[in-house]
Amino acid sequence: MKKIISLVVAAVVAANAVEFEFHGSWGVGLGGYSLDSGNGNVNDAVASFYADTEFVKLTDKLFYGVGLEATAYNNPQDKTYSSNSLTTYAFSPLALRYFAGESASLYAIGSYVIGDMGGWDFDGWGAKVGVDYMVGDHFAIGLAYGYEDLEPDKGSGELKTHRGLLTLGYRW
């Protein structure tokens, strides 16, 4: 019983030591992608919608949070999976944002990703890094690079995607 009480007291002390401050963003990313399934690369357009919030203040300029992203890949024409559409959904339990001054920020996001390509289901991991700059009070423009490494739910193989995005968003 003393151990349980000690753990509860330690958790309360740790929670009181954490400083919370909410920041977040949402927006769209437009750009190009490269998809490799082992049968050569496909390159085309990509669009994504993202939302994230950073709420744990790690330092004066560095914050931790979580995020979500949905991405639609245009016309992947993959020979292995015989499909012309790929959509992925990412849950990001690791989102870090570093505020470099009043307007600029750098971010890095690690994600668990699920995807669908013409009846094939995929899951795996992904990552995205980027920089954005506030234009006005809340609007931001930026550049991002994303990567996903996915495996099908049946059979063998994998999909690897690389995305370059111009991001337009709203940040608070």
N, C-alpha and C. Protein backbone atom coordinates (compact mmCIF):
# COMPACT_ATOMS: atom_id res chain seq x y z
N MET A 1 0.82 -1.19 0.00
CA MET A 1 0.00 0.00 0.00
C MET A 1 0.87 1.26 0.00
N LYS A 2 1.99 1.21 0.73
CA LYS A 2 2.88 2.37 0.78
C LYS A 2 3.47 2.66 -0.60
N LYS A 3 3.76 1.59 -1.37
CA LYS A 3 4.30 1.78 -2.72
C LYS A 3 3.28 2.47 -3.62
N ILE A 4 2.03 2.07 -3.52
CA ILE A 4 0.98 2.69 -4.34
C ILE A 4 0.82 4.15 -3.97
N ILE A 5 0.81 4.44 -2.69
CA ILE A 5 0.69 5.84 -2.25
C ILE A 5 1.90 6.64 -2.72
N SER A 6 3.08 6.05 -2.65
CA SER A 6 4.29 6.74 -3.12
C SER A 6 4.22 7.04 -4.61
N LEU A 7 3.72 6.06 -5.39
CA LEU A 7 3.58 6.27 -6.83
C LEU A 7 2.57 7.36 -7.14
N VAL A 8 1.44 7.37 -6.43
CA VAL A 8 0.42 8.41 -6.63
C VAL A 8 0.99 9.77 -6.28
N VAL A 9 1.69 9.89 -5.16
CA VAL A 9 2.30 11.16 -4.77
C VAL A 9 3.32 11.61 -5.81
N ALA A 10 4.15 10.67 -6.30
CA ALA A 10 5.15 11.02 -7.32
C ALA A 10 4.48 11.50 -8.61
N ALA A 11 3.37 10.86 -9.02
CA ALA A 11 2.65 11.27 -10.22
C ALA A 11 2.05 12.65 -10.06
N VAL A 12 1.50 12.95 -8.89
CA VAL A 12 0.92 14.28 -8.64
C VAL A 12 2.01 15.34 -8.66
N VAL A 13 3.14 15.06 -8.04
CA VAL A 13 4.26 16.02 -8.04
C VAL A 13 4.75 16.25 -9.46
N ALA A 14 4.89 15.17 -10.24
CA ALA A 14 5.36 15.30 -11.63
C ALA A 14 4.36 16.10 -12.47
N ALA A 15 3.07 15.84 -12.28
CA ALA A 15 2.05 16.56 -13.04
C ALA A 15 2.06 18.05 -12.70
N ASN A 16 2.31 18.37 -11.46
CA ASN A 16 2.37 19.78 -11.07
C ASN A 16 3.62 20.47 -11.60
N ALA A 17 4.67 19.68 -11.90
CA ALA A 17 5.90 20.26 -12.43
C ALA A 17 5.79 20.54 -13.93
N VAL A 18 4.83 19.90 -14.60
CA VAL A 18 4.64 20.10 -16.04
C VAL A 18 3.89 21.39 -16.28
N GLU A 19 4.38 22.17 -17.22
CA GLU A 19 3.72 23.41 -17.56
C GLU A 19 2.97 23.22 -18.88
N PHE A 20 1.70 23.59 -18.89
CA PHE A 20 0.89 23.45 -20.09
C PHE A 20 0.66 24.81 -20.73
N GLU A 21 0.78 24.84 -22.05
CA GLU A 21 0.51 26.05 -22.83
C GLU A 21 0.08 25.55 -24.21
N PHE A 22 -1.10 25.93 -24.65
CA PHE A 22 -1.66 25.36 -25.87
C PHE A 22 -1.29 26.18 -27.11
N HIS A 23 -0.82 25.45 -28.12
CA HIS A 23 -0.57 25.96 -29.47
C HIS A 23 -1.13 24.92 -30.42
N GLY A 24 -1.39 25.31 -31.62
CA GLY A 24 -1.86 24.32 -32.58
C GLY A 24 -1.91 24.89 -33.97
N SER A 25 -2.21 24.00 -34.91
CA SER A 25 -2.34 24.43 -36.30
C SER A 25 -3.22 23.43 -37.04
N TRP A 26 -3.78 23.88 -38.12
CA TRP A 26 -4.49 23.02 -39.04
C TRP A 26 -4.36 23.64 -40.42
N GLY A 27 -4.47 22.83 -41.44
CA GLY A 27 -4.35 23.35 -42.79
C GLY A 27 -4.24 22.25 -43.82
N VAL A 28 -3.79 22.63 -44.99
CA VAL A 28 -3.64 21.71 -46.11
C VAL A 28 -2.21 21.74 -46.62
N GLY A 29 -1.80 20.64 -47.18
CA GLY A 29 -0.51 20.56 -47.84
C GLY A 29 -0.73 20.07 -49.26
N LEU A 30 -0.11 20.72 -50.21
CA LEU A 30 -0.20 20.34 -51.62
C LEU A 30 1.20 20.17 -52.16
N GLY A 31 1.38 19.14 -52.99
CA GLY A 31 2.72 18.93 -53.53
C GLY A 31 2.81 17.70 -54.39
N GLY A 32 3.97 17.07 -54.35
CA GLY A 32 4.22 15.89 -55.15
C GLY A 32 4.69 14.75 -54.28
N TYR A 33 4.63 13.53 -54.82
CA TYR A 33 5.07 12.37 -54.07
C TYR A 33 5.80 11.40 -54.97
N SER A 34 6.53 10.51 -54.35
CA SER A 34 7.14 9.37 -55.01
C SER A 34 6.74 8.14 -54.22
N LEU A 35 6.21 7.12 -54.89
CA LEU A 35 5.77 5.88 -54.24
C LEU A 35 6.61 4.74 -54.80
N ASP A 36 7.13 3.90 -53.93
CA ASP A 36 7.92 2.74 -54.34
C ASP A 36 7.35 1.50 -53.67
N SER A 37 6.91 0.53 -54.49
CA SER A 37 6.41 -0.73 -53.95
C SER A 37 7.32 -1.89 -54.33
N GLY A 38 8.51 -1.57 -54.81
CA GLY A 38 9.42 -2.62 -55.27
C GLY A 38 9.32 -2.85 -56.76
N ASN A 39 8.32 -2.27 -57.42
CA ASN A 39 8.15 -2.40 -58.87
C ASN A 39 8.40 -1.08 -59.58
N GLY A 40 9.30 -0.29 -59.08
CA GLY A 40 9.58 1.00 -59.69
C GLY A 40 8.83 2.11 -58.99
N ASN A 41 9.24 3.31 -59.27
CA ASN A 41 8.63 4.48 -58.63
C ASN A 41 7.51 5.06 -59.47
N VAL A 42 6.54 5.65 -58.78
CA VAL A 42 5.46 6.41 -59.40
C VAL A 42 5.54 7.81 -58.80
N ASN A 43 5.40 8.84 -59.62
CA ASN A 43 5.44 10.22 -59.14
C ASN A 43 4.20 10.94 -59.62
N ASP A 44 3.57 11.70 -58.72
CA ASP A 44 2.37 12.45 -59.09
C ASP A 44 2.07 13.45 -57.99
N ALA A 45 0.83 13.96 -57.99
CA ALA A 45 0.42 14.98 -57.03
C ALA A 45 -0.13 14.34 -55.75
N VAL A 46 -0.03 15.11 -54.65
CA VAL A 46 -0.52 14.64 -53.35
C VAL A 46 -1.17 15.82 -52.63
N ALA A 47 -2.18 15.53 -51.83
CA ALA A 47 -2.83 16.56 -51.01
C ALA A 47 -3.06 15.97 -49.63
N SER A 48 -2.91 16.81 -48.60
CA SER A 48 -3.16 16.32 -47.24
C SER A 48 -3.85 17.40 -46.42
N PHE A 49 -4.58 16.95 -45.42
CA PHE A 49 -5.18 17.82 -44.42
C PHE A 49 -4.57 17.43 -43.09
N TYR A 50 -4.14 18.40 -42.31
CA TYR A 50 -3.51 18.09 -41.03
C TYR A 50 -4.07 18.96 -39.93
N ALA A 51 -3.96 18.46 -38.72
CA ALA A 51 -4.31 19.21 -37.51
C ALA A 51 -3.41 18.71 -36.40
N ASP A 52 -2.85 19.62 -35.64
CA ASP A 52 -2.04 19.22 -34.50
C ASP A 52 -2.17 20.25 -33.39
N THR A 53 -1.87 19.81 -32.21
CA THR A 53 -1.84 20.72 -31.07
C THR A 53 -0.65 20.37 -30.20
N GLU A 54 0.06 21.38 -29.77
CA GLU A 54 1.18 21.21 -28.85
C GLU A 54 0.77 21.84 -27.53
N PHE A 55 0.89 21.09 -26.44
CA PHE A 55 0.34 21.58 -25.18
C PHE A 55 1.27 21.42 -23.99
N VAL A 56 2.31 20.63 -24.09
CA VAL A 56 3.24 20.47 -22.98
C VAL A 56 4.48 21.31 -23.27
N LYS A 57 4.73 22.27 -22.41
CA LYS A 57 5.87 23.16 -22.60
C LYS A 57 7.12 22.48 -22.05
N LEU A 58 8.03 22.10 -22.96
CA LEU A 58 9.26 21.43 -22.55
C LEU A 58 10.35 22.45 -22.20
N THR A 59 10.46 23.51 -23.02
CA THR A 59 11.33 24.66 -22.74
C THR A 59 10.55 25.89 -23.14
N ASP A 60 11.19 27.05 -23.08
CA ASP A 60 10.50 28.28 -23.48
C ASP A 60 10.05 28.25 -24.94
N LYS A 61 10.76 27.49 -25.79
CA LYS A 61 10.45 27.49 -27.22
C LYS A 61 10.06 26.13 -27.78
N LEU A 62 10.20 25.07 -27.01
CA LEU A 62 9.93 23.72 -27.49
C LEU A 62 8.70 23.14 -26.80
N PHE A 63 7.77 22.61 -27.63
CA PHE A 63 6.50 22.07 -27.13
C PHE A 63 6.26 20.68 -27.69
N TYR A 64 5.58 19.85 -26.88
CA TYR A 64 5.19 18.49 -27.27
C TYR A 64 3.68 18.45 -27.44
N GLY A 65 3.20 17.63 -28.40
CA GLY A 65 1.77 17.46 -28.59
C GLY A 65 1.43 16.25 -29.42
N VAL A 66 0.25 16.27 -30.02
CA VAL A 66 -0.24 15.17 -30.84
C VAL A 66 -0.83 15.74 -32.13
N GLY A 67 -1.05 14.88 -33.13
CA GLY A 67 -1.60 15.36 -34.38
C GLY A 67 -2.32 14.28 -35.17
N LEU A 68 -3.03 14.70 -36.21
CA LEU A 68 -3.74 13.84 -37.15
C LEU A 68 -3.47 14.34 -38.56
N GLU A 69 -3.44 13.42 -39.53
CA GLU A 69 -3.26 13.83 -40.92
C GLU A 69 -3.95 12.82 -41.83
N ALA A 70 -4.63 13.30 -42.85
CA ALA A 70 -5.22 12.46 -43.89
C ALA A 70 -4.58 12.87 -45.21
N THR A 71 -4.11 11.90 -45.99
CA THR A 71 -3.40 12.19 -47.23
C THR A 71 -4.00 11.40 -48.38
N ALA A 72 -4.21 12.06 -49.51
CA ALA A 72 -4.72 11.41 -50.73
C ALA A 72 -3.64 11.51 -51.81
N TYR A 73 -3.26 10.36 -52.32
CA TYR A 73 -2.25 10.29 -53.38
C TYR A 73 -2.96 10.16 -54.72
N ASN A 74 -2.64 11.01 -55.66
CA ASN A 74 -3.28 11.00 -56.98
C ASN A 74 -2.64 9.92 -57.86
N ASN A 75 -3.48 9.02 -58.38
CA ASN A 75 -3.12 8.10 -59.46
C ASN A 75 -1.83 7.31 -59.23
N PRO A 76 -1.72 6.52 -58.15
CA PRO A 76 -0.47 5.80 -57.93
C PRO A 76 -0.16 4.73 -58.97
N GLN A 77 -1.16 4.17 -59.68
CA GLN A 77 -0.97 3.18 -60.73
C GLN A 77 0.05 2.13 -60.34
N ASP A 78 -0.12 1.53 -59.20
CA ASP A 78 0.84 0.54 -58.73
C ASP A 78 0.54 -0.82 -59.33
N LYS A 79 1.57 -1.49 -59.88
CA LYS A 79 1.39 -2.80 -60.52
C LYS A 79 1.17 -3.91 -59.50
N THR A 80 1.78 -3.79 -58.33
CA THR A 80 1.66 -4.85 -57.32
C THR A 80 0.25 -4.92 -56.77
N TYR A 81 -0.35 -3.78 -56.45
CA TYR A 81 -1.64 -3.76 -55.77
C TYR A 81 -2.80 -3.37 -56.69
N SER A 82 -2.54 -3.20 -57.98
CA SER A 82 -3.56 -2.95 -59.00
C SER A 82 -4.59 -1.93 -58.57
N SER A 83 -4.14 -0.74 -58.25
CA SER A 83 -5.06 0.29 -57.80
C SER A 83 -4.61 1.64 -58.33
N ASN A 84 -5.58 2.53 -58.47
CA ASN A 84 -5.24 3.89 -58.86
C ASN A 84 -5.59 4.90 -57.78
N SER A 85 -5.74 4.43 -56.52
CA SER A 85 -5.98 5.38 -55.44
C SER A 85 -5.30 4.87 -54.17
N LEU A 86 -4.74 5.79 -53.41
CA LEU A 86 -4.14 5.48 -52.12
C LEU A 86 -4.49 6.61 -51.18
N THR A 87 -5.05 6.25 -50.04
CA THR A 87 -5.36 7.22 -48.99
C THR A 87 -4.74 6.71 -47.70
N THR A 88 -4.08 7.61 -46.96
CA THR A 88 -3.51 7.22 -45.67
C THR A 88 -4.03 8.15 -44.58
N TYR A 89 -4.08 7.60 -43.38
CA TYR A 89 -4.51 8.35 -42.19
C TYR A 89 -3.44 8.14 -41.12
N ALA A 90 -2.97 9.23 -40.55
CA ALA A 90 -1.88 9.15 -39.58
C ALA A 90 -2.31 9.72 -38.24
N PHE A 91 -2.05 8.96 -37.17
CA PHE A 91 -2.19 9.46 -35.81
C PHE A 91 -0.78 9.69 -35.28
N SER A 92 -0.53 10.87 -34.80
CA SER A 92 0.81 11.25 -34.38
C SER A 92 0.87 11.42 -32.86
N PRO A 93 1.38 10.40 -32.15
CA PRO A 93 1.54 10.55 -30.71
C PRO A 93 2.77 11.36 -30.33
N LEU A 94 3.58 11.70 -31.33
CA LEU A 94 4.79 12.48 -31.08
C LEU A 94 4.84 13.65 -32.04
N ALA A 95 4.50 14.83 -31.56
CA ALA A 95 4.59 16.06 -32.35
C ALA A 95 5.40 17.07 -31.54
N LEU A 96 6.50 17.50 -32.10
CA LEU A 96 7.35 18.51 -31.46
C LEU A 96 7.36 19.76 -32.32
N ARG A 97 7.24 20.92 -31.71
CA ARG A 97 7.31 22.19 -32.43
C ARG A 97 8.26 23.11 -31.68
N TYR A 98 9.20 23.69 -32.44
CA TYR A 98 10.17 24.63 -31.88
C TYR A 98 9.88 26.01 -32.49
N PHE A 99 9.61 26.97 -31.64
CA PHE A 99 9.33 28.33 -32.10
C PHE A 99 10.65 29.10 -32.20
N ALA A 100 11.03 29.43 -33.42
CA ALA A 100 12.29 30.14 -33.68
C ALA A 100 11.96 31.61 -33.92
N GLY A 101 11.68 32.33 -32.87
CA GLY A 101 11.29 33.73 -33.00
C GLY A 101 9.79 33.87 -32.94
N GLU A 102 9.30 35.05 -33.31
CA GLU A 102 7.87 35.34 -33.23
C GLU A 102 7.05 34.69 -34.33
N SER A 103 7.63 34.50 -35.52
CA SER A 103 6.84 34.05 -36.66
C SER A 103 7.19 32.66 -37.19
N ALA A 104 8.42 32.23 -37.06
CA ALA A 104 8.85 30.96 -37.64
C ALA A 104 8.78 29.82 -36.63
N SER A 105 8.50 28.63 -37.13
CA SER A 105 8.57 27.44 -36.28
C SER A 105 9.05 26.25 -37.11
N LEU A 106 9.68 25.32 -36.43
CA LEU A 106 10.15 24.06 -37.00
C LEU A 106 9.37 22.95 -36.31
N TYR A 107 9.01 21.90 -37.04
CA TYR A 107 8.28 20.82 -36.39
C TYR A 107 8.74 19.46 -36.91
N ALA A 108 8.57 18.45 -36.05
CA ALA A 108 8.87 17.06 -36.37
C ALA A 108 7.75 16.21 -35.79
N ILE A 109 7.24 15.28 -36.60
CA ILE A 109 6.08 14.49 -36.20
C ILE A 109 6.35 13.02 -36.52
N GLY A 110 6.12 12.15 -35.56
CA GLY A 110 6.20 10.71 -35.76
C GLY A 110 4.80 10.12 -35.68
N SER A 111 4.46 9.20 -36.59
CA SER A 111 3.07 8.76 -36.72
C SER A 111 2.93 7.25 -36.87
N TYR A 112 1.78 6.75 -36.41
CA TYR A 112 1.29 5.43 -36.78
C TYR A 112 0.34 5.66 -37.95
N VAL A 113 0.52 4.93 -39.06
CA VAL A 113 -0.22 5.21 -40.29
C VAL A 113 -1.00 3.98 -40.74
N ILE A 114 -2.24 4.20 -41.15
CA ILE A 114 -3.02 3.15 -41.82
C ILE A 114 -3.36 3.67 -43.21
N GLY A 115 -3.52 2.77 -44.16
CA GLY A 115 -3.81 3.19 -45.52
C GLY A 115 -4.70 2.20 -46.24
N ASP A 116 -5.30 2.66 -47.33
CA ASP A 116 -6.15 1.83 -48.16
C ASP A 116 -5.79 2.09 -49.62
N MET A 117 -5.55 0.99 -50.35
CA MET A 117 -5.25 1.10 -51.77
C MET A 117 -6.05 0.03 -52.51
N GLY A 118 -7.22 0.41 -52.99
CA GLY A 118 -8.03 -0.49 -53.80
C GLY A 118 -8.32 -1.84 -53.18
N GLY A 119 -8.75 -1.87 -51.92
CA GLY A 119 -9.07 -3.13 -51.27
C GLY A 119 -7.91 -3.70 -50.45
N TRP A 120 -6.73 -3.17 -50.59
CA TRP A 120 -5.60 -3.58 -49.77
C TRP A 120 -5.50 -2.62 -48.60
N ASP A 121 -5.37 -3.17 -47.40
CA ASP A 121 -5.18 -2.35 -46.21
C ASP A 121 -3.71 -2.40 -45.80
N PHE A 122 -3.19 -1.27 -45.36
CA PHE A 122 -1.80 -1.15 -44.97
C PHE A 122 -1.71 -0.52 -43.59
N ASP A 123 -0.62 -0.81 -42.91
CA ASP A 123 -0.30 -0.04 -41.71
C ASP A 123 1.22 0.02 -41.59
N GLY A 124 1.67 0.96 -40.81
CA GLY A 124 3.11 1.16 -40.64
C GLY A 124 3.38 2.44 -39.88
N TRP A 125 4.47 3.06 -40.20
CA TRP A 125 4.87 4.28 -39.51
C TRP A 125 5.19 5.37 -40.52
N GLY A 126 5.20 6.59 -40.03
CA GLY A 126 5.51 7.72 -40.88
C GLY A 126 6.18 8.82 -40.07
N ALA A 127 6.75 9.76 -40.78
CA ALA A 127 7.39 10.90 -40.15
C ALA A 127 7.23 12.11 -41.07
N LYS A 128 7.19 13.28 -40.47
CA LYS A 128 7.12 14.51 -41.25
C LYS A 128 7.93 15.58 -40.53
N VAL A 129 8.70 16.34 -41.28
CA VAL A 129 9.43 17.48 -40.74
C VAL A 129 9.09 18.69 -41.61
N GLY A 130 9.11 19.85 -40.99
CA GLY A 130 8.78 21.03 -41.77
C GLY A 130 9.12 22.32 -41.06
N VAL A 131 8.91 23.38 -41.78
CA VAL A 131 9.10 24.72 -41.26
C VAL A 131 7.92 25.55 -41.75
N ASP A 132 7.42 26.44 -40.90
CA ASP A 132 6.40 27.35 -41.37
C ASP A 132 6.65 28.75 -40.81
N TYR A 133 6.05 29.71 -41.45
CA TYR A 133 6.25 31.12 -41.11
C TYR A 133 4.88 31.79 -41.09
N MET A 134 4.60 32.48 -39.99
CA MET A 134 3.31 33.15 -39.87
C MET A 134 3.28 34.42 -40.73
N VAL A 135 2.18 34.55 -41.46
CA VAL A 135 1.93 35.73 -42.28
C VAL A 135 0.68 36.38 -41.70
N GLY A 136 0.84 37.49 -41.03
CA GLY A 136 -0.28 38.09 -40.32
C GLY A 136 -0.38 37.50 -38.93
N ASP A 137 -1.58 37.57 -38.36
CA ASP A 137 -1.76 37.13 -36.98
C ASP A 137 -1.80 35.62 -36.80
N HIS A 138 -2.40 34.89 -37.75
CA HIS A 138 -2.57 33.46 -37.55
C HIS A 138 -2.29 32.59 -38.76
N PHE A 139 -2.20 33.15 -39.94
CA PHE A 139 -2.02 32.33 -41.14
C PHE A 139 -0.54 32.02 -41.33
N ALA A 140 -0.27 30.77 -41.77
CA ALA A 140 1.11 30.33 -41.92
C ALA A 140 1.29 29.67 -43.29
N ILE A 141 2.48 29.82 -43.83
CA ILE A 141 2.89 29.17 -45.07
C ILE A 141 4.18 28.43 -44.77
N GLY A 142 4.36 27.27 -45.36
CA GLY A 142 5.55 26.51 -45.04
C GLY A 142 5.88 25.44 -46.05
N LEU A 143 6.94 24.70 -45.74
CA LEU A 143 7.39 23.57 -46.54
C LEU A 143 7.53 22.37 -45.61
N ALA A 144 7.20 21.19 -46.13
CA ALA A 144 7.30 19.97 -45.31
C ALA A 144 7.75 18.81 -46.18
N TYR A 145 8.38 17.84 -45.53
CA TYR A 145 8.76 16.58 -46.16
C TYR A 145 8.17 15.46 -45.32
N GLY A 146 7.50 14.52 -45.96
CA GLY A 146 6.91 13.40 -45.23
C GLY A 146 7.35 12.08 -45.82
N TYR A 147 7.39 11.04 -44.97
CA TYR A 147 7.79 9.70 -45.37
C TYR A 147 6.87 8.70 -44.69
N GLU A 148 6.45 7.66 -45.42
CA GLU A 148 5.64 6.59 -44.84
C GLU A 148 6.22 5.26 -45.29
N ASP A 149 6.26 4.30 -44.38
CA ASP A 149 6.73 2.94 -44.65
C ASP A 149 5.60 2.01 -44.24
N LEU A 150 4.89 1.44 -45.22
CA LEU A 150 3.66 0.69 -44.97
C LEU A 150 3.79 -0.75 -45.45
N GLU A 151 3.11 -1.67 -44.74
CA GLU A 151 3.06 -3.08 -45.13
C GLU A 151 1.60 -3.48 -45.29
N PRO A 152 1.30 -4.39 -46.27
CA PRO A 152 -0.09 -4.82 -46.46
C PRO A 152 -0.54 -5.75 -45.35
N ASP A 153 -1.87 -5.80 -45.14
CA ASP A 153 -2.42 -6.68 -44.11
C ASP A 153 -2.43 -8.14 -44.54
N LYS A 154 -2.29 -8.41 -45.83
CA LYS A 154 -2.24 -9.78 -46.31
C LYS A 154 -1.11 -9.88 -47.33
N GLY A 155 -0.52 -11.02 -47.41
CA GLY A 155 0.58 -11.21 -48.36
C GLY A 155 1.84 -10.52 -47.87
N SER A 156 2.71 -10.25 -48.80
CA SER A 156 3.97 -9.59 -48.45
C SER A 156 4.16 -8.38 -49.34
N GLY A 157 5.18 -7.63 -49.06
CA GLY A 157 5.47 -6.43 -49.82
C GLY A 157 5.46 -5.21 -48.93
N GLU A 158 5.64 -4.06 -49.53
CA GLU A 158 5.61 -2.82 -48.78
C GLU A 158 5.43 -1.65 -49.73
N LEU A 159 5.00 -0.54 -49.17
CA LEU A 159 4.91 0.72 -49.89
C LEU A 159 5.74 1.74 -49.13
N LYS A 160 6.54 2.50 -49.85
CA LYS A 160 7.27 3.60 -49.24
C LYS A 160 6.91 4.86 -50.02
N THR A 161 6.49 5.88 -49.30
CA THR A 161 6.14 7.13 -49.96
C THR A 161 7.02 8.26 -49.43
N HIS A 162 7.35 9.16 -50.31
CA HIS A 162 8.06 10.39 -49.99
C HIS A 162 7.20 11.53 -50.50
N ARG A 163 6.94 12.55 -49.64
CA ARG A 163 6.09 13.67 -50.03
C ARG A 163 6.82 14.98 -49.82
N GLY A 164 6.72 15.86 -50.76
CA GLY A 164 7.16 17.24 -50.61
C GLY A 164 5.93 18.12 -50.67
N LEU A 165 5.73 18.96 -49.65
CA LEU A 165 4.48 19.72 -49.56
C LEU A 165 4.72 21.20 -49.35
N LEU A 166 3.90 22.00 -49.99
CA LEU A 166 3.75 23.41 -49.66
C LEU A 166 2.54 23.46 -48.74
N THR A 167 2.70 23.97 -47.54
CA THR A 167 1.61 23.97 -46.56
C THR A 167 1.03 25.36 -46.39
N LEU A 168 -0.28 25.40 -46.28
CA LEU A 168 -1.02 26.63 -46.01
C LEU A 168 -1.92 26.34 -44.82
N GLY A 169 -1.78 27.11 -43.77
CA GLY A 169 -2.53 26.75 -42.59
C GLY A 169 -2.87 27.92 -41.68
N TYR A 170 -3.51 27.58 -40.60
CA TYR A 170 -3.92 28.51 -39.56
C TYR A 170 -3.26 28.06 -38.27
N ARG A 171 -2.57 28.94 -37.60
CA ARG A 171 -1.84 28.58 -36.38
C ARG A 171 -2.25 29.49 -35.24
N TRP A 172 -2.38 28.93 -34.05
CA TRP A 172 -2.68 29.73 -32.87
C TRP A 172 -1.73 29.38 -31.76
